[in-house]
Amino acid sequence: MILCALFATATTIAAQTSAHFSHLDILFAGDLMQHESQLNAARQSDGTYSFSPCYRHIKEYVSEADIAIANLETTIAGKPYSGYPMF
């Protein structure tokens, strides 16, 4: 199923440009996790979060991929968040 979606996306990208593609760079990453200490470190004074520092070492690789897919493995439903190991 995922490969079908990737193929459809690649076909759409190729059809919308005049460039001829000889290859497609796909990046897969797994388990982007956020524990309570990471959430606390990313919290900004205005109540938002910035995780940019967490990904500064891989930003170049992700940006160079034509398609990048990562598995977000953390709670995003809101409070009460208890943290590791009780997600």
Protein backbone atom coordinates (compact mmCIF):
# COMPACT_ATOMS: atom_id res chain seq x y z
CA MET A 1 0.00 0.00 0.00
CA ILE A 2 2.75 2.45 0.93
CA LEU A 3 4.72 1.58 -2.19
CA CYS A 4 1.63 2.24 -4.32
CA ALA A 5 1.20 5.65 -2.69
CA LEU A 6 4.89 6.44 -3.25
CA PHE A 7 4.67 5.42 -6.89
CA ALA A 8 1.57 7.58 -7.38
CA THR A 9 3.32 10.53 -5.74
CA ALA A 10 6.44 10.08 -7.85
CA THR A 11 4.36 9.83 -11.02
CA THR A 12 2.50 13.03 -10.12
CA ILE A 13 5.77 14.87 -9.43
CA ALA A 14 7.24 13.72 -12.74
CA ALA A 15 4.09 14.67 -14.65
CA GLN A 16 4.07 18.19 -13.19
CA THR A 17 7.62 18.99 -14.25
CA SER A 18 9.38 18.97 -17.57
CA ALA A 19 12.47 17.33 -16.09
CA HIS A 20 13.21 13.71 -16.84
CA PHE A 21 13.75 11.69 -13.69
CA SER A 22 16.34 8.94 -13.72
CA HIS A 23 15.80 8.08 -10.06
CA LEU A 24 13.77 8.94 -7.00
CA ASP A 25 15.35 9.40 -3.56
CA ILE A 26 13.11 8.10 -0.76
CA LEU A 27 14.10 8.41 2.88
CA PHE A 28 12.49 6.30 5.61
CA ALA A 29 13.11 6.99 9.30
CA GLY A 30 11.63 5.31 12.29
CA ASP A 31 10.58 5.98 15.80
CA LEU A 32 10.72 9.73 16.17
CA MET A 33 10.11 9.68 19.90
CA GLN A 34 9.62 12.45 22.42
CA HIS A 35 10.07 11.80 26.12
CA GLU A 36 9.06 14.27 28.82
CA SER A 37 12.56 15.76 29.12
CA GLN A 38 12.63 16.42 25.36
CA LEU A 39 9.19 18.00 25.47
CA ASN A 40 10.28 20.27 28.30
CA ALA A 41 13.43 21.29 26.40
CA ALA A 42 11.43 22.07 23.24
CA ARG A 43 8.77 24.17 24.99
CA GLN A 44 8.96 27.83 24.01
CA SER A 45 7.90 30.80 26.17
CA ASP A 46 4.79 31.33 24.03
CA GLY A 47 3.54 27.79 24.69
CA THR A 48 4.59 26.35 21.33
CA TYR A 49 7.31 23.77 20.76
CA SER A 50 10.43 23.81 18.59
CA PHE A 51 12.11 20.50 17.84
CA SER A 52 14.51 21.94 15.24
CA PRO A 53 17.61 21.41 17.42
CA CYS A 54 16.74 17.70 17.71
CA TYR A 55 16.98 17.26 13.96
CA ARG A 56 19.83 19.62 13.06
CA HIS A 57 22.22 16.73 12.32
CA ILE A 58 19.89 15.03 9.83
CA LYS A 59 18.18 18.07 8.29
CA GLU A 60 20.41 17.99 5.22
CA TYR A 61 19.65 14.33 4.48
CA VAL A 62 15.91 14.74 4.91
CA SER A 63 15.85 17.91 2.80
CA GLU A 64 17.71 16.22 -0.06
CA ALA A 65 15.19 13.37 -0.37
CA ASP A 66 12.42 13.64 -2.95
CA ILE A 67 10.09 11.94 -0.47
CA ALA A 68 10.76 11.62 3.27
CA ILE A 69 8.63 9.48 5.58
CA ALA A 70 9.10 9.09 9.32
CA ASN A 71 7.22 7.19 12.01
CA LEU A 72 6.14 9.52 14.82
CA GLU A 73 5.99 7.36 17.92
CA THR A 74 4.81 9.56 20.75
CA THR A 75 1.66 10.87 22.35
CA ILE A 76 0.05 13.88 20.69
CA ALA A 77 -3.42 13.72 22.25
CA GLY A 78 -2.68 16.26 24.96
CA LYS A 79 -2.72 16.09 28.73
CA PRO A 80 -2.39 14.16 30.89
CA TYR A 81 0.96 13.10 29.45
CA SER A 82 2.82 10.90 31.88
CA GLY A 83 6.06 10.25 30.00
CA TYR A 84 8.32 7.27 29.75
CA PRO A 85 7.59 4.42 30.15
CA MET A 86 3.84 5.01 30.33
CA PHE A 87 2.76 6.47 27.02
